[in-house]
């Protein structure tokens, strides 16, 4: 079956489809507001009339390219092209400001390839065993994971723990806007029907990060009218030496495992994986104060983990027919249309197509590496554009990205409102990162809490009676205690 799969993939037409998919995916990932999911949705009808392996190969290229493309705008424009690239912005954007845009991009591309490669190997060799682990997870365990994830707000609060917690709580409040899960109660909608579905993640991201920076730049007009200096470009290879890469082997391995684990668990997403990996690396560092100011280790952690989600999310899809996220749900539709039914018997019934997917992922990962590295010099040239030209173009991208979320002008208005809110946060010294984390994790936390309590007749003890849930809650408590202790020590000093 492996040889048959290789024959189907290694022909000029199929390879061309994978390459086209990767390139289009990168473009969709790099443009704020677009995403891998949107690319898959738009090109899914095109795959209907193709041979099964050709259509699936196109979707594989779109998916992988869409995830990896988000780092380009995150580093160069301070706008996460996809939610998975949120943590890449924390250190990637400061590196670009410090004249290290090429190194940040090159390193991000290389570790994206490594993270994707590790997760694809996991998908190929250990997917049946890993998929059984997900069957042990219920809403109780998911809630415990969400609580643990929320504790990273304290680690990313900056100099003021109180302000960071307030910012995170405000993000949680924003996640409550709209129709409540399970009982359907309307909350904080104020009679506005457009708010019934809540706020889109991409709208908040664009507003808080991109529009806020544009507003701040407007108050510093002198920096806008001055002609931009040429960005230095003397990059060799991927901008990172073998010594630096070897020093980060633990960071890469840990981040890949986090991304793989988060990908296997349905409904969590690459944004959570990148933030968790970034926080894990920051907390293990001897110099945590350098993170957020242009530390390459932060970029490595984020990009390794969010690309490792790719293989992880396909494990439950292929072995059990459970999509790990929205993108894989669309991918599941593509498989079904071509007569491939994911599940325990897929290796027996459609083995050649499964191995074809594995090989297509490997090929797409290589194409991603080659194409993004080849375009590195062009990407960096974006920083040579004078700010008085670049900022209006970025603003247009913000409006386009917000409008594409739901194709409504309401989202465009929300982008500017969140931009003003981000500006106010900056003026009062309130960090915005905890707000984003609180918003992303808020919906997941509430849904699983309510489901767990309903299934167990309101018994709160269930969260400490289940071993997996208890472990995550204990880790969360330990994390909070250590953070408070560290904060108190800093105040004493």
Protein backbone atom coordinates (compact mmCIF):
# COMPACT_ATOMS: atom_id res chain seq x y z
CA UNK A 1 0.00 0.00 0.00
CA UNK A 2 2.88 2.35 0.73
CA UNK A 3 4.30 1.88 -2.77
CA UNK A 4 0.87 2.42 -4.28
CA UNK A 5 0.47 5.61 -2.25
CA UNK A 6 3.89 6.86 -3.36
CA UNK A 7 2.92 6.22 -6.97
CA UNK A 8 -0.24 8.31 -6.54
CA UNK A 9 1.62 11.22 -4.91
CA UNK A 10 4.88 11.33 -6.85
CA UNK A 11 3.50 12.33 -10.23
CA UNK A 12 3.80 15.83 -11.71
CA UNK A 13 0.11 16.76 -11.48
CA UNK A 14 -0.37 15.74 -7.84
CA UNK A 15 2.89 17.41 -6.79
CA UNK A 16 1.78 20.57 -8.59
CA UNK A 17 -1.55 20.51 -6.72
CA UNK A 18 0.27 20.18 -3.38
CA UNK A 19 2.57 23.09 -4.28
CA UNK A 20 -0.36 25.27 -5.38
CA UNK A 21 -2.20 24.39 -2.18
CA UNK A 22 0.81 25.31 -0.01
CA UNK A 23 1.34 28.65 -1.77
CA UNK A 24 -2.33 29.62 -1.60
CA UNK A 25 -2.47 28.45 2.00
CA UNK A 26 0.51 30.62 2.94
CA UNK A 27 -1.16 33.63 1.32
CA UNK A 28 -4.41 32.97 3.21
CA UNK A 29 -2.48 32.48 6.45
CA UNK A 30 -0.44 35.65 5.99
CA UNK A 31 -3.40 37.93 5.27
CA UNK A 32 -5.11 38.92 8.54
CA UNK A 33 -8.70 37.74 8.68
CA UNK A 34 -8.21 34.92 6.24
CA UNK A 35 -7.22 31.48 7.48
CA UNK A 36 -6.50 27.87 6.59
CA UNK A 37 -10.15 27.09 7.27
CA UNK A 38 -11.34 29.70 4.77
CA UNK A 39 -8.89 28.39 2.16
CA UNK A 40 -10.20 24.85 2.66
CA UNK A 41 -13.82 25.97 2.43
CA UNK A 42 -13.24 27.96 -0.77
CA UNK A 43 -11.30 25.21 -2.54
CA UNK A 44 -13.28 22.22 -1.27
CA UNK A 45 -15.76 22.37 -4.22
CA UNK A 46 -12.81 22.34 -6.64
CA UNK A 47 -11.64 19.02 -5.22
CA UNK A 48 -14.97 17.30 -5.91
CA UNK A 49 -14.28 16.61 -9.57
CA UNK A 50 -10.70 15.44 -9.03
CA UNK A 51 -9.37 11.98 -8.43
CA UNK A 52 -9.59 11.21 -4.68
CA UNK A 53 -5.85 11.45 -4.00
CA UNK A 54 -5.49 14.63 -6.07
CA UNK A 55 -8.35 16.38 -4.30
CA UNK A 56 -7.09 15.33 -0.86
CA UNK A 57 -3.53 16.41 -1.71
CA UNK A 58 -4.78 19.89 -2.61
CA UNK A 59 -6.57 20.13 0.75
CA UNK A 60 -3.45 18.91 2.59
CA UNK A 61 -1.35 21.66 0.98
CA UNK A 62 -3.94 24.33 1.83
CA UNK A 63 -4.16 23.21 5.46
CA UNK A 64 -0.43 23.05 6.11
CA UNK A 65 0.35 26.27 4.22
CA UNK A 66 -2.45 28.16 5.95
CA UNK A 67 -1.14 27.32 9.43
CA UNK A 68 2.49 28.19 8.68
CA UNK A 69 1.75 31.43 6.80
CA UNK A 70 0.52 33.27 9.89
CA UNK A 71 4.04 34.01 11.12
CA UNK A 72 4.73 36.41 8.22
CA UNK A 73 2.22 39.08 9.21
CA UNK A 74 2.71 38.40 12.93
CA UNK A 75 6.40 39.29 12.70
CA UNK A 76 6.33 42.00 10.03
CA UNK A 77 2.99 43.76 10.61
CA UNK A 78 2.26 42.91 14.27
CA UNK A 79 -0.96 41.24 13.16
CA UNK A 80 -1.33 37.49 13.76
CA UNK A 81 -2.28 36.14 10.34
CA UNK A 82 -4.02 33.29 12.15
CA UNK A 83 -4.92 32.87 15.84
CA UNK A 84 -2.24 30.16 16.00
CA UNK A 85 0.43 32.85 15.53
CA UNK A 86 -0.54 34.98 18.53
CA UNK A 87 2.49 34.01 20.61
CA UNK A 88 4.81 34.46 17.61
CA UNK A 89 3.99 38.15 17.70
CA UNK A 90 5.21 38.56 21.31
CA UNK A 91 8.90 38.28 20.39
CA UNK A 92 8.81 38.19 16.59
CA UNK A 93 7.53 41.76 16.22
CA UNK A 94 10.15 43.23 18.61
CA UNK A 95 12.85 41.36 16.68
CA UNK A 96 11.60 42.98 13.47
CA UNK A 97 11.73 46.40 15.15
CA UNK A 98 15.31 45.68 16.20
CA UNK A 99 16.39 44.92 12.62
CA UNK A 100 16.21 41.13 13.00
CA UNK A 101 13.12 40.49 10.88
CA UNK A 102 15.02 38.09 8.62
CA UNK A 103 16.30 36.02 11.53
CA UNK A 104 12.86 35.90 13.15
CA UNK A 105 11.20 34.81 9.91
CA UNK A 106 13.93 32.35 8.94
CA UNK A 107 13.99 30.72 12.36
CA UNK A 108 10.19 30.61 12.47
CA UNK A 109 10.08 28.90 9.07
CA UNK A 110 12.70 26.32 10.04
CA UNK A 111 11.12 25.35 13.37
CA UNK A 112 7.68 25.30 11.71
CA UNK A 113 9.10 22.65 9.41
CA UNK A 114 10.59 20.73 12.35
CA UNK A 115 7.40 20.95 14.41
CA UNK A 116 5.30 19.83 11.46
CA UNK A 117 7.71 16.99 10.69
CA UNK A 118 7.65 15.66 14.27
CA UNK A 119 3.85 15.73 14.37
CA UNK A 120 3.56 14.00 10.98
CA UNK A 121 5.85 11.21 12.20
CA UNK A 122 3.67 10.91 15.30
CA UNK A 123 0.62 10.71 13.06
CA UNK A 124 2.25 7.98 10.98
CA UNK A 125 3.63 5.74 13.70
CA UNK A 126 1.75 6.23 16.96
CA UNK A 127 -1.68 7.58 15.96
CA UNK A 128 -3.74 4.47 16.88
CA UNK A 129 -2.34 4.41 20.42
CA UNK A 130 -2.55 8.15 20.97
CA UNK A 131 -6.12 8.33 19.70
CA UNK A 132 -7.27 5.97 22.47
CA UNK A 133 -6.08 8.49 25.06
CA UNK A 134 -8.61 11.05 23.85
CA UNK A 135 -11.43 8.64 24.69
CA UNK A 136 -10.52 9.09 28.37
CA UNK A 137 -11.20 12.84 28.20
CA UNK A 138 -14.65 14.14 29.08
CA UNK A 139 -15.89 17.65 29.76
CA UNK A 140 -14.46 17.29 33.30
CA UNK A 141 -10.91 16.86 31.99
CA UNK A 142 -11.36 19.59 29.38
CA UNK A 143 -12.45 22.03 32.09
CA UNK A 144 -9.39 21.17 34.17
CA UNK A 145 -7.16 21.78 31.14
CA UNK A 146 -8.88 25.12 30.56
CA UNK A 147 -8.32 26.14 34.21
CA UNK A 148 -4.67 25.18 33.95
CA UNK A 149 -4.35 27.15 30.70
CA UNK A 150 -5.89 30.22 32.33
CA UNK A 151 -3.13 30.26 34.95
CA UNK A 152 -0.67 31.38 32.29
CA UNK A 153 -2.35 34.79 32.45
CA UNK A 154 -0.33 35.42 35.60
CA UNK A 155 2.92 34.53 33.81
CA UNK A 156 2.21 36.98 31.00
CA UNK A 157 0.96 39.87 33.15
CA UNK A 158 4.16 41.90 32.96
CA UNK A 159 5.20 44.12 35.85
CA UNK A 160 1.76 44.32 37.47
CA UNK A 161 0.06 41.07 38.41
CA UNK A 162 -3.14 42.90 39.40
CA UNK A 163 -3.42 44.65 36.03
CA UNK A 164 -2.74 41.38 34.21
CA UNK A 165 -5.47 39.56 36.13
CA UNK A 166 -7.93 42.42 35.50
CA UNK A 167 -7.10 42.26 31.79
CA UNK A 168 -7.65 38.48 31.76
CA UNK A 169 -10.97 38.83 33.59
CA UNK A 170 -12.09 41.42 31.03
CA UNK A 171 -11.23 38.91 28.29
CA UNK A 172 -13.38 36.33 30.06
CA UNK A 173 -16.26 38.81 30.16
CA UNK A 174 -15.92 39.43 26.42
CA UNK A 175 -16.13 35.67 25.82
CA UNK A 176 -19.53 35.65 27.55
CA UNK A 177 -21.10 38.03 25.02
CA UNK A 178 -23.76 36.36 22.88
CA UNK A 179 -26.08 33.41 23.27
CA UNK A 180 -25.04 31.15 26.15
CA UNK A 181 -24.24 27.51 25.43
CA UNK A 182 -26.76 24.86 26.49
CA UNK A 183 -29.57 27.13 27.78
CA UNK A 184 -29.46 29.77 24.99
CA UNK A 185 -29.74 32.84 27.26
CA UNK A 186 -28.77 36.14 25.58
CA UNK A 187 -25.98 37.90 27.47
CA UNK A 188 -24.57 41.43 27.09
CA UNK A 189 -26.14 41.80 23.63
CA UNK A 190 -28.08 45.01 24.46
CA UNK A 191 -30.63 44.15 21.79
CA UNK A 192 -27.98 44.03 19.03
CA UNK A 193 -28.64 40.92 16.97
CA UNK A 194 -25.11 40.97 15.53
CA UNK A 195 -23.81 40.16 19.02
CA UNK A 196 -25.81 36.94 19.34
CA UNK A 197 -22.85 34.96 18.01
CA UNK A 198 -20.35 36.80 20.19
CA UNK A 199 -17.14 38.48 19.02
CA UNK A 200 -14.86 36.84 16.47
CA UNK A 201 -11.35 36.07 17.70
CA UNK A 202 -9.77 37.57 14.59
CA UNK A 203 -11.70 40.83 15.09
CA UNK A 204 -10.32 41.26 18.61
CA UNK A 205 -6.80 40.30 17.52
CA UNK A 206 -6.73 42.80 14.67
CA UNK A 207 -8.22 45.56 16.80
CA UNK A 208 -6.06 45.10 19.89
CA UNK A 209 -2.77 44.56 18.07
CA UNK A 210 -2.89 46.24 14.66
CA UNK A 211 -5.35 49.14 15.02
CA UNK A 212 -3.93 50.03 18.44
CA UNK A 213 -0.43 50.34 16.96
CA UNK A 214 -1.74 52.49 14.12
CA UNK A 215 -3.44 54.81 16.62
CA UNK A 216 -0.25 55.03 18.68
CA UNK A 217 1.73 55.78 15.52
CA UNK A 218 -0.69 58.61 14.79
CA UNK A 219 0.33 60.31 18.02
CA UNK A 220 3.95 60.11 16.92
CA UNK A 221 3.65 61.68 13.49
CA UNK A 222 7.35 62.46 13.15
CA UNK A 223 8.16 58.76 12.90
CA UNK A 224 5.61 58.41 10.11
CA UNK A 225 6.83 61.12 7.75
CA UNK A 226 10.50 60.16 8.02
CA UNK A 227 11.56 57.86 5.18
CA UNK A 228 12.05 54.29 6.30
CA UNK A 229 15.60 53.03 6.58
CA UNK A 230 16.65 50.05 4.54
CA UNK A 231 16.27 46.84 6.47
CA UNK A 232 19.59 45.02 6.66
CA UNK A 233 19.58 41.65 4.94
CA UNK A 234 22.69 39.57 5.36
CA UNK A 235 20.89 36.38 6.29
CA UNK A 236 22.65 33.10 5.72
CA UNK A 237 20.61 29.95 5.69
CA UNK A 238 17.67 30.43 8.03
CA UNK A 239 19.31 33.02 10.28
CA UNK A 240 19.94 30.59 13.13
CA UNK A 241 23.22 28.79 13.66
CA UNK A 242 23.54 25.09 14.41
CA UNK A 243 24.78 26.04 17.87
CA UNK A 244 21.67 28.11 18.58
CA UNK A 245 19.48 25.34 17.21
CA UNK A 246 21.16 22.71 19.37
CA UNK A 247 20.78 24.93 22.44
CA UNK A 248 17.03 24.98 21.77
CA UNK A 249 16.52 21.24 21.31
CA UNK A 250 14.63 20.94 24.60
CA UNK A 251 12.49 23.97 23.70
CA UNK A 252 11.67 22.46 20.28
CA UNK A 253 10.89 19.00 21.67
CA UNK A 254 8.75 20.34 24.52
CA UNK A 255 6.86 22.73 22.23
CA UNK A 256 6.27 19.97 19.66
CA UNK A 257 4.88 17.68 22.35
CA UNK A 258 2.60 20.46 23.63
CA UNK A 259 1.35 21.14 20.10
CA UNK A 260 0.87 17.45 19.43
CA UNK A 261 -1.06 16.95 22.66
CA UNK A 262 -3.26 20.01 22.15
CA UNK A 263 -3.91 18.95 18.55
CA UNK A 264 -5.08 15.50 19.63
CA UNK A 265 -7.63 16.99 22.05
CA UNK A 266 -10.60 18.21 19.95
CA UNK A 267 -11.75 21.81 20.22
CA UNK A 268 -8.74 23.48 21.87
CA UNK A 269 -6.80 24.85 18.89
CA UNK A 270 -3.38 26.06 17.80
CA UNK A 271 -3.66 29.41 19.59
CA UNK A 272 -3.77 27.65 22.97
CA UNK A 273 -0.86 25.41 21.96
CA UNK A 274 1.37 28.33 20.96
CA UNK A 275 0.58 30.28 24.14
CA UNK A 276 1.17 27.24 26.38
CA UNK A 277 4.47 26.42 24.66
CA UNK A 278 5.58 30.06 24.85
CA UNK A 279 4.74 30.24 28.56
CA UNK A 280 6.45 26.92 29.29
CA UNK A 281 9.63 28.16 27.63
CA UNK A 282 9.48 31.54 29.38
CA UNK A 283 8.93 29.98 32.81
CA UNK A 284 11.84 27.57 32.32
CA UNK A 285 14.22 30.36 31.27
CA UNK A 286 16.84 31.90 33.55
CA UNK A 287 16.08 35.30 31.95
CA UNK A 288 12.27 35.52 31.66
CA UNK A 289 12.45 39.32 31.58
CA UNK A 290 13.90 39.16 28.04
CA UNK A 291 10.73 37.58 26.63
CA UNK A 292 8.43 40.00 24.88
CA UNK A 293 11.43 42.14 23.92
CA UNK A 294 12.80 40.10 21.04
CA UNK A 295 13.91 36.71 22.36
CA UNK A 296 14.26 34.17 19.56
CA UNK A 297 13.36 31.35 21.96
CA UNK A 298 9.80 32.70 22.14
CA UNK A 299 9.42 32.51 18.35
CA UNK A 300 10.83 28.97 18.34
CA UNK A 301 8.37 27.80 21.00
CA UNK A 302 5.33 29.33 19.33
CA UNK A 303 6.02 28.25 15.76
CA UNK A 304 7.10 24.72 16.70
CA UNK A 305 3.95 24.11 18.71
CA UNK A 306 1.36 25.58 16.33
CA UNK A 307 2.72 23.53 13.42
CA UNK A 308 2.86 20.41 15.58
CA UNK A 309 -0.90 20.82 15.99
CA UNK A 310 -1.32 19.87 12.32
CA UNK A 311 -0.37 16.22 12.74
CA UNK A 312 -1.95 16.06 16.17
CA UNK A 313 -5.35 17.27 14.95
CA UNK A 314 -5.37 14.64 12.20
CA UNK A 315 -4.84 11.75 14.64
CA UNK A 316 -8.41 11.67 16.05
CA UNK A 317 -9.78 12.57 12.61
CA UNK A 318 -8.24 9.61 10.81
CA UNK A 319 -8.48 6.99 13.57
CA UNK A 320 -11.88 7.91 15.06
CA UNK A 321 -13.52 10.34 12.63
CA UNK A 322 -13.44 13.15 15.23
CA UNK A 323 -12.20 16.48 13.83
CA UNK A 324 -9.80 18.27 16.19
CA UNK A 325 -10.70 21.77 14.95
CA UNK A 326 -12.76 23.61 12.34
CA UNK A 327 -10.15 23.13 9.60
CA UNK A 328 -10.06 19.36 10.09
CA UNK A 329 -13.87 19.33 10.12
CA UNK A 330 -13.77 20.75 6.59
CA UNK A 331 -11.03 18.25 5.73
CA UNK A 332 -13.31 15.47 7.03
CA UNK A 333 -15.95 16.64 4.55
CA UNK A 334 -13.42 16.33 1.75
CA UNK A 335 -12.55 12.75 2.77
CA UNK A 336 -16.22 11.76 3.00
CA UNK A 337 -17.02 13.18 -0.42
CA UNK A 338 -14.31 11.01 -1.95
CA UNK A 339 -15.72 7.90 -0.25
CA UNK A 340 -13.13 7.67 2.54
CA UNK A 341 -14.68 6.99 5.97
CA UNK A 342 -12.33 7.80 8.87
CA UNK A 343 -12.44 5.40 11.79
CA UNK A 344 -10.78 2.28 13.23
CA UNK A 345 -11.20 0.38 9.94
CA UNK A 346 -9.79 3.10 7.68
CA UNK A 347 -6.39 1.35 7.35
CA UNK A 348 -8.13 -1.79 6.09
CA UNK A 349 -10.66 -0.14 3.78
CA UNK A 350 -8.72 2.88 2.50
CA UNK A 351 -5.13 2.12 3.47
CA UNK A 352 -3.56 3.47 0.28
CA UNK A 353 -5.27 6.83 0.75
CA UNK A 354 -4.20 7.05 4.40
CA UNK A 355 -0.57 6.47 3.46
CA UNK A 356 -1.08 8.92 0.60
CA UNK A 357 -2.16 11.57 3.13
CA UNK A 358 0.98 10.87 5.19
CA UNK A 359 3.25 11.26 2.17
CA UNK A 360 1.37 14.35 0.95
CA UNK A 361 1.88 15.97 4.37
CA UNK A 362 5.62 15.31 4.21
CA UNK A 363 5.83 16.73 0.68
CA UNK A 364 3.73 19.79 1.62
CA UNK A 365 5.97 20.40 4.65
CA UNK A 366 9.06 20.42 2.41
CA UNK A 367 7.35 22.71 -0.12
CA UNK A 368 6.43 25.09 2.72
CA UNK A 369 10.05 25.23 3.86
CA UNK A 370 11.43 25.85 0.38
CA UNK A 371 8.84 28.38 -0.76
CA UNK A 372 8.84 30.49 2.41
CA UNK A 373 12.65 30.52 2.53
CA UNK A 374 12.81 31.52 -1.13
CA UNK A 375 10.43 34.43 -0.46
CA UNK A 376 12.20 35.58 2.70
CA UNK A 377 13.99 38.50 1.08
CA UNK A 378 10.69 39.69 -0.44
CA UNK A 379 8.87 39.41 2.90
CA UNK A 380 11.53 41.44 4.70
CA UNK A 381 11.33 44.18 2.03
CA UNK A 382 7.89 45.05 3.41
CA UNK A 383 9.69 46.82 6.24
CA UNK A 384 11.45 49.10 3.75
CA UNK A 385 8.13 50.70 2.84
CA UNK A 386 7.82 54.14 4.51
CA UNK A 387 5.35 54.16 7.40
CA UNK A 388 3.14 56.82 5.84
CA UNK A 389 2.51 54.33 3.00
CA UNK A 390 2.67 51.08 4.99
CA UNK A 391 0.28 52.05 7.80
CA UNK A 392 -2.67 52.91 5.49
CA UNK A 393 -2.09 49.58 3.69
CA UNK A 394 -2.10 47.76 7.03
CA UNK A 395 -5.32 49.57 7.95
CA UNK A 396 -6.92 48.39 4.71
CA UNK A 397 -5.83 44.82 5.56
CA UNK A 398 -7.41 45.26 9.00
CA UNK A 399 -10.72 46.33 7.50
CA UNK A 400 -10.59 43.51 4.93
CA UNK A 401 -9.73 40.92 7.56
CA UNK A 402 -12.52 42.08 9.87
CA UNK A 403 -15.08 42.13 7.06
CA UNK A 404 -14.12 38.62 5.89
CA UNK A 405 -14.83 37.19 9.36
CA UNK A 406 -18.62 37.29 8.80
CA UNK A 407 -18.93 39.62 5.80
CA UNK A 408 -20.59 42.34 7.91
CA UNK A 409 -19.67 45.97 8.53
CA UNK A 410 -20.45 45.42 12.21
CA UNK A 411 -17.18 43.52 12.61
CA UNK A 412 -15.31 46.41 10.99
CA UNK A 413 -16.80 48.79 13.57
CA UNK A 414 -15.83 46.36 16.34
CA UNK A 415 -12.23 46.30 15.09
CA UNK A 416 -11.91 50.06 15.58
CA UNK A 417 -13.64 49.89 18.97
CA UNK A 418 -11.20 47.23 20.12
CA UNK A 419 -8.39 49.35 18.70
CA UNK A 420 -9.48 52.24 20.91
CA UNK A 421 -9.77 49.87 23.85
CA UNK A 422 -6.24 48.60 23.22
CA UNK A 423 -5.04 52.20 23.05
CA UNK A 424 -6.62 52.89 26.45
CA UNK A 425 -4.97 49.75 27.86
CA UNK A 426 -1.58 50.96 26.62
CA UNK A 427 -2.05 54.41 28.16
CA UNK A 428 -2.91 52.93 31.56
CA UNK A 429 -0.16 50.31 31.40
CA UNK A 430 -2.54 47.35 31.24
CA UNK A 431 -1.18 44.35 29.28
CA UNK A 432 -3.36 43.16 26.41
CA UNK A 433 -2.02 39.60 26.16
CA UNK A 434 -3.99 38.33 29.21
CA UNK A 435 -7.15 39.78 27.63
CA UNK A 436 -6.63 37.69 24.48
CA UNK A 437 -5.89 34.55 26.50
CA UNK A 438 -8.97 35.09 28.68
CA UNK A 439 -11.17 35.56 25.61
CA UNK A 440 -9.85 32.50 23.76
CA UNK A 441 -10.12 30.18 26.75
CA UNK A 442 -13.30 31.65 28.22
CA UNK A 443 -15.75 29.91 25.89
CA UNK A 444 -14.05 26.54 26.28
CA UNK A 445 -13.96 26.90 30.08
CA UNK A 446 -17.64 27.82 30.42
CA UNK A 447 -18.95 25.17 28.02
CA UNK A 448 -17.07 22.30 29.64
CA UNK A 449 -17.87 23.49 33.18
CA UNK A 450 -21.60 23.55 32.47
CA UNK A 451 -21.54 20.21 30.64
CA UNK A 452 -19.56 18.56 33.45
CA UNK A 453 -21.92 19.83 36.15
CA UNK A 454 -25.00 18.81 34.17
CA UNK A 455 -23.66 15.31 33.56
CA UNK A 456 -22.80 14.90 37.25
CA UNK A 457 -25.91 16.52 38.78
CA UNK A 458 -24.08 19.63 39.96
CA UNK A 459 -21.45 17.75 41.94
CA UNK A 460 -18.30 19.93 42.06
CA UNK A 461 -16.31 17.10 43.66
CA UNK A 462 -16.17 15.36 40.27
CA UNK A 463 -13.27 17.64 39.28
CA UNK A 464 -11.01 16.18 41.98
CA UNK A 465 -12.38 12.64 41.83
CA UNK A 466 -11.12 11.99 38.30
CA UNK A 467 -7.33 11.44 38.18
CA UNK A 468 -6.57 13.36 34.98
CA UNK A 469 -8.67 16.33 36.08
CA UNK A 470 -7.08 16.31 39.55
CA UNK A 471 -3.56 16.36 38.07
CA UNK A 472 -4.29 19.43 35.91
CA UNK A 473 -5.99 21.26 38.78
CA UNK A 474 -3.04 20.56 41.10
CA UNK A 475 -0.64 21.83 38.42
CA UNK A 476 -2.79 24.96 38.08
CA UNK A 477 -2.72 25.56 41.86
CA UNK A 478 1.06 25.05 41.99
CA UNK A 479 1.49 27.45 39.05
CA UNK A 480 -0.58 30.13 40.79
CA UNK A 481 1.33 29.71 44.09
CA UNK A 482 4.72 29.94 42.37
CA UNK A 483 3.66 33.03 40.41
CA UNK A 484 2.38 34.77 43.55
CA UNK A 485 5.57 33.88 45.40
CA UNK A 486 7.68 35.29 42.58
CA UNK A 487 5.60 38.47 42.50
CA UNK A 488 5.95 38.97 46.27
CA UNK A 489 9.72 38.46 46.10
CA UNK A 490 10.01 41.10 43.36
CA UNK A 491 8.05 43.58 45.46
CA UNK A 492 10.24 42.91 48.49
CA UNK A 493 13.37 43.52 46.41
